[in-house]
Amino acid sequence: KETGHELMNSIKFNEVDWTLVVKKLPADEAQRRKEEYLATLTPSTEEEA
């Protein structure tokens, strides 16, 4: 996600081969998702109060 790629919800496999589908996000969407993800890693000060 940090590089602007998103793992799609489609993993196809058989006994020999695995295929992961990844798509490139537009820069603004990638930045928005990165900020949202980083916000989930930061402890909330509201919960401590």
PDB file of N, CA and C in Angstrom:
ATOM      1  N   LYS A   1       0.819  -1.194   0.000  1.00  0.00           N
ATOM      2  CA  LYS A   1       0.000   0.000   0.000  1.00  0.00           C
ATOM      3  C   LYS A   1       0.861   1.255   0.000  1.00  0.00           C
ATOM      4  N   GLU A   2       1.995   1.206   0.669  1.00  0.00           N
ATOM      5  CA  GLU A   2       2.851   2.386   0.734  1.00  0.00           C
ATOM      6  C   GLU A   2       3.354   2.807  -0.636  1.00  0.00           C
ATOM      7  N   THR A   3       3.453   1.882  -1.567  1.00  0.00           N
ATOM      8  CA  THR A   3       3.942   2.208  -2.906  1.00  0.00           C
ATOM      9  C   THR A   3       2.806   2.510  -3.865  1.00  0.00           C
ATOM     10  N   GLY A   4       1.580   2.534  -3.364  1.00  0.00           N
ATOM     11  CA  GLY A   4       0.442   2.847  -4.221  1.00  0.00           C
ATOM     12  C   GLY A   4      -0.148   1.641  -4.918  1.00  0.00           C
ATOM     13  N   HIS A   5       0.174   0.445  -4.447  1.00  0.00           N
ATOM     14  CA  HIS A   5      -0.399  -0.767  -5.015  1.00  0.00           C
ATOM     15  C   HIS A   5      -1.370  -1.369  -4.014  1.00  0.00           C
ATOM     16  N   GLU A   6      -2.359  -2.046  -4.518  1.00  0.00           N
ATOM     17  CA  GLU A   6      -3.363  -2.653  -3.663  1.00  0.00           C
ATOM     18  C   GLU A   6      -3.544  -4.111  -4.064  1.00  0.00           C
ATOM     19  N   LEU A   7      -3.493  -4.998  -3.088  1.00  0.00           N
ATOM     20  CA  LEU A   7      -3.741  -6.408  -3.346  1.00  0.00           C
ATOM     21  C   LEU A   7      -5.244  -6.591  -3.485  1.00  0.00           C
ATOM     22  N   MET A   8      -5.655  -7.063  -4.634  1.00  0.00           N
ATOM     23  CA  MET A   8      -7.079  -7.251  -4.883  1.00  0.00           C
ATOM     24  C   MET A   8      -7.555  -8.518  -4.177  1.00  0.00           C
ATOM     25  N   ASN A   9      -8.849  -8.616  -4.003  1.00  0.00           N
ATOM     26  CA  ASN A   9      -9.426  -9.766  -3.332  1.00  0.00           C
ATOM     27  C   ASN A   9      -9.676 -10.885  -4.337  1.00  0.00           C
ATOM     28  N   SER A  10      -8.627 -11.266  -5.038  1.00  0.00           N
ATOM     29  CA  SER A  10      -8.763 -12.386  -5.965  1.00  0.00           C
ATOM     30  C   SER A  10      -7.435 -13.132  -6.044  1.00  0.00           C
ATOM     31  N   ILE A  11      -7.348 -14.188  -5.310  1.00  0.00           N
ATOM     32  CA  ILE A  11      -6.175 -15.046  -5.344  1.00  0.00           C
ATOM     33  C   ILE A  11      -6.611 -16.345  -6.002  1.00  0.00           C
ATOM     34  N   LYS A  12      -5.983 -16.656  -7.110  1.00  0.00           N
ATOM     35  CA  LYS A  12      -6.337 -17.858  -7.851  1.00  0.00           C
ATOM     36  C   LYS A  12      -5.165 -18.832  -7.757  1.00  0.00           C
ATOM     37  N   PHE A  13      -5.452 -20.078  -7.505  1.00  0.00           N
ATOM     38  CA  PHE A  13      -4.368 -21.042  -7.406  1.00  0.00           C
ATOM     39  C   PHE A  13      -4.844 -22.440  -7.761  1.00  0.00           C
ATOM     40  N   ASN A  14      -3.894 -23.242  -8.158  1.00  0.00           N
ATOM     41  CA  ASN A  14      -4.119 -24.674  -8.255  1.00  0.00           C
ATOM     42  C   ASN A  14      -2.918 -25.330  -7.577  1.00  0.00           C
ATOM     43  N   GLU A  15      -2.685 -26.579  -7.786  1.00  0.00           N
ATOM     44  CA  GLU A  15      -1.608 -27.258  -7.075  1.00  0.00           C
ATOM     45  C   GLU A  15      -0.226 -26.751  -7.466  1.00  0.00           C
ATOM     46  N   VAL A  16      -0.094 -26.131  -8.627  1.00  0.00           N
ATOM     47  CA  VAL A  16       1.222 -25.725  -9.112  1.00  0.00           C
ATOM     48  C   VAL A  16       1.412 -24.213  -9.100  1.00  0.00           C
ATOM     49  N   ASP A  17       0.421 -23.476  -9.557  1.00  0.00           N
ATOM     50  CA  ASP A  17       0.581 -22.040  -9.780  1.00  0.00           C
ATOM     51  C   ASP A  17      -0.287 -21.204  -8.844  1.00  0.00           C
ATOM     52  N   TRP A  18       0.253 -20.043  -8.471  1.00  0.00           N
ATOM     53  CA  TRP A  18      -0.484 -19.051  -7.690  1.00  0.00           C
ATOM     54  C   TRP A  18      -0.475 -17.750  -8.478  1.00  0.00           C
ATOM     55  N   THR A  19      -1.586 -17.039  -8.482  1.00  0.00           N
ATOM     56  CA  THR A  19      -1.663 -15.739  -9.144  1.00  0.00           C
ATOM     57  C   THR A  19      -2.216 -14.717  -8.161  1.00  0.00           C
ATOM     58  N   LEU A  20      -1.469 -13.646  -7.920  1.00  0.00           N
ATOM     59  CA  LEU A  20      -1.941 -12.533  -7.102  1.00  0.00           C
ATOM     60  C   LEU A  20      -2.244 -11.374  -8.030  1.00  0.00           C
ATOM     61  N   VAL A  21      -3.407 -10.770  -7.864  1.00  0.00           N
ATOM     62  CA  VAL A  21      -3.803  -9.651  -8.715  1.00  0.00           C
ATOM     63  C   VAL A  21      -3.574  -8.357  -7.938  1.00  0.00           C
ATOM     64  N   VAL A  22      -2.756  -7.462  -8.503  1.00  0.00           N
ATOM     65  CA  VAL A  22      -2.427  -6.185  -7.870  1.00  0.00           C
ATOM     66  C   VAL A  22      -2.739  -5.082  -8.858  1.00  0.00           C
ATOM     67  N   LYS A  23      -3.340  -4.005  -8.373  1.00  0.00           N
ATOM     68  CA  LYS A  23      -3.611  -2.887  -9.276  1.00  0.00           C
ATOM     69  C   LYS A  23      -2.935  -1.625  -8.746  1.00  0.00           C
ATOM     70  N   LYS A  24      -2.558  -0.754  -9.648  1.00  0.00           N
ATOM     71  CA  LYS A  24      -1.941   0.519  -9.296  1.00  0.00           C
ATOM     72  C   LYS A  24      -3.041   1.532  -9.026  1.00  0.00           C
ATOM     73  N   LEU A  25      -2.967   2.189  -7.868  1.00  0.00           N
ATOM     74  CA  LEU A  25      -3.952   3.199  -7.517  1.00  0.00           C
ATOM     75  C   LEU A  25      -3.482   4.568  -7.988  1.00  0.00           C
ATOM     76  N   PRO A  26      -4.418   5.467  -8.263  1.00  0.00           N
ATOM     77  CA  PRO A  26      -4.021   6.849  -8.546  1.00  0.00           C
ATOM     78  C   PRO A  26      -3.295   7.427  -7.324  1.00  0.00           C
ATOM     79  N   ALA A  27      -2.383   8.346  -7.535  1.00  0.00           N
ATOM     80  CA  ALA A  27      -1.544   8.886  -6.459  1.00  0.00           C
ATOM     81  C   ALA A  27      -2.369   9.465  -5.313  1.00  0.00           C
ATOM     82  N   ASP A  28      -3.434  10.190  -5.616  1.00  0.00           N
ATOM     83  CA  ASP A  28      -4.233  10.794  -4.549  1.00  0.00           C
ATOM     84  C   ASP A  28      -4.953   9.741  -3.713  1.00  0.00           C
ATOM     85  N   GLU A  29      -5.439   8.697  -4.349  1.00  0.00           N
ATOM     86  CA  GLU A  29      -6.103   7.610  -3.624  1.00  0.00           C
ATOM     87  C   GLU A  29      -5.095   6.843  -2.777  1.00  0.00           C
ATOM     88  N   ALA A  30      -3.915   6.595  -3.310  1.00  0.00           N
ATOM     89  CA  ALA A  30      -2.870   5.891  -2.559  1.00  0.00           C
ATOM     90  C   ALA A  30      -2.476   6.696  -1.324  1.00  0.00           C
ATOM     91  N   GLN A  31      -2.336   8.010  -1.460  1.00  0.00           N
ATOM     92  CA  GLN A  31      -1.970   8.868  -0.331  1.00  0.00           C
ATOM     93  C   GLN A  31      -3.066   8.858   0.731  1.00  0.00           C
ATOM     94  N   ARG A  32      -4.327   8.929   0.302  1.00  0.00           N
ATOM     95  CA  ARG A  32      -5.443   8.915   1.246  1.00  0.00           C
ATOM     96  C   ARG A  32      -5.469   7.612   2.038  1.00  0.00           C
ATOM     97  N   ARG A  33      -5.291   6.499   1.339  1.00  0.00           N
ATOM     98  CA  ARG A  33      -5.313   5.193   2.018  1.00  0.00           C
ATOM     99  C   ARG A  33      -4.117   5.031   2.949  1.00  0.00           C
ATOM    100  N   LYS A  34      -2.969   5.560   2.536  1.00  0.00           N
ATOM    101  CA  LYS A  34      -1.778   5.489   3.384  1.00  0.00           C
ATOM    102  C   LYS A  34      -2.011   6.259   4.678  1.00  0.00           C
ATOM    103  N   GLU A  35      -2.589   7.455   4.564  1.00  0.00           N
ATOM    104  CA  GLU A  35      -2.868   8.260   5.753  1.00  0.00           C
ATOM    105  C   GLU A  35      -3.871   7.564   6.664  1.00  0.00           C
ATOM    106  N   GLU A  36      -4.898   6.953   6.087  1.00  0.00           N
ATOM    107  CA  GLU A  36      -5.881   6.226   6.887  1.00  0.00           C
ATOM    108  C   GLU A  36      -5.226   5.049   7.605  1.00  0.00           C
ATOM    109  N   TYR A  37      -4.357   4.334   6.901  1.00  0.00           N
ATOM    110  CA  TYR A  37      -3.676   3.185   7.499  1.00  0.00           C
ATOM    111  C   TYR A  37      -2.767   3.630   8.640  1.00  0.00           C
ATOM    112  N   LEU A  38      -1.986   4.686   8.409  1.00  0.00           N
ATOM    113  CA  LEU A  38      -1.080   5.172   9.446  1.00  0.00           C
ATOM    114  C   LEU A  38      -1.852   5.668  10.665  1.00  0.00           C
ATOM    115  N   ALA A  39      -3.036   6.216  10.446  1.00  0.00           N
ATOM    116  CA  ALA A  39      -3.857   6.685  11.564  1.00  0.00           C
ATOM    117  C   ALA A  39      -4.286   5.516  12.448  1.00  0.00           C
ATOM    118  N   THR A  40      -4.444   4.339  11.868  1.00  0.00           N
ATOM    119  CA  THR A  40      -4.838   3.178  12.673  1.00  0.00           C
ATOM    120  C   THR A  40      -3.681   2.675  13.526  1.00  0.00           C
ATOM    121  N   LEU A  41      -2.447   3.028  13.161  1.00  0.00           N
ATOM    122  CA  LEU A  41      -1.279   2.588  13.916  1.00  0.00           C
ATOM    123  C   LEU A  41      -0.962   3.515  15.077  1.00  0.00           C
ATOM    124  N   THR A  42      -1.471   4.746  15.037  1.00  0.00           N
ATOM    125  CA  THR A  42      -1.190   5.733  16.068  1.00  0.00           C
ATOM    126  C   THR A  42      -2.197   5.572  17.199  1.00  0.00           C
ATOM    127  N   PRO A  43      -1.705   5.376  18.430  1.00  0.00           N
ATOM    128  CA  PRO A  43      -2.646   5.233  19.545  1.00  0.00           C
ATOM    129  C   PRO A  43      -3.451   6.514  19.740  1.00  0.00           C
ATOM    130  N   SER A  44      -4.705   6.354  20.015  1.00  0.00           N
ATOM    131  CA  SER A  44      -5.590   7.499  20.209  1.00  0.00           C
ATOM    132  C   SER A  44      -5.445   8.036  21.624  1.00  0.00           C
ATOM    133  N   THR A  45      -5.244   9.348  21.757  1.00  0.00           N
ATOM    134  CA  THR A  45      -5.135   9.958  23.085  1.00  0.00           C
ATOM    135  C   THR A  45      -6.509  10.102  23.729  1.00  0.00           C
ATOM    136  N   GLU A  46      -7.577  10.060  22.926  1.00  0.00           N
ATOM    137  CA  GLU A  46      -8.924  10.181  23.472  1.00  0.00           C
ATOM    138  C   GLU A  46      -9.284   8.974  24.328  1.00  0.00           C
ATOM    139  N   GLU A  47      -8.782   7.797  23.974  1.00  0.00           N
ATOM    140  CA  GLU A  47      -9.105   6.588  24.720  1.00  0.00           C
ATOM    141  C   GLU A  47      -8.473   6.606  26.105  1.00  0.00           C
ATOM    142  N   GLU A  48      -7.324   7.287  26.249  1.00  0.00           N
ATOM    143  CA  GLU A  48      -6.622   7.318  27.527  1.00  0.00           C
ATOM    144  C   GLU A  48      -7.260   8.296  28.496  1.00  0.00           C
ATOM    145  N   ALA A  49      -7.976   9.293  28.006  1.00  0.00           N
ATOM    146  CA  ALA A  49      -8.548  10.338  28.866  1.00  0.00           C
ATOM    147  C   ALA A  49      -9.785   9.855  29.596  1.00  0.00           C
TER     148      ALA A  49
END
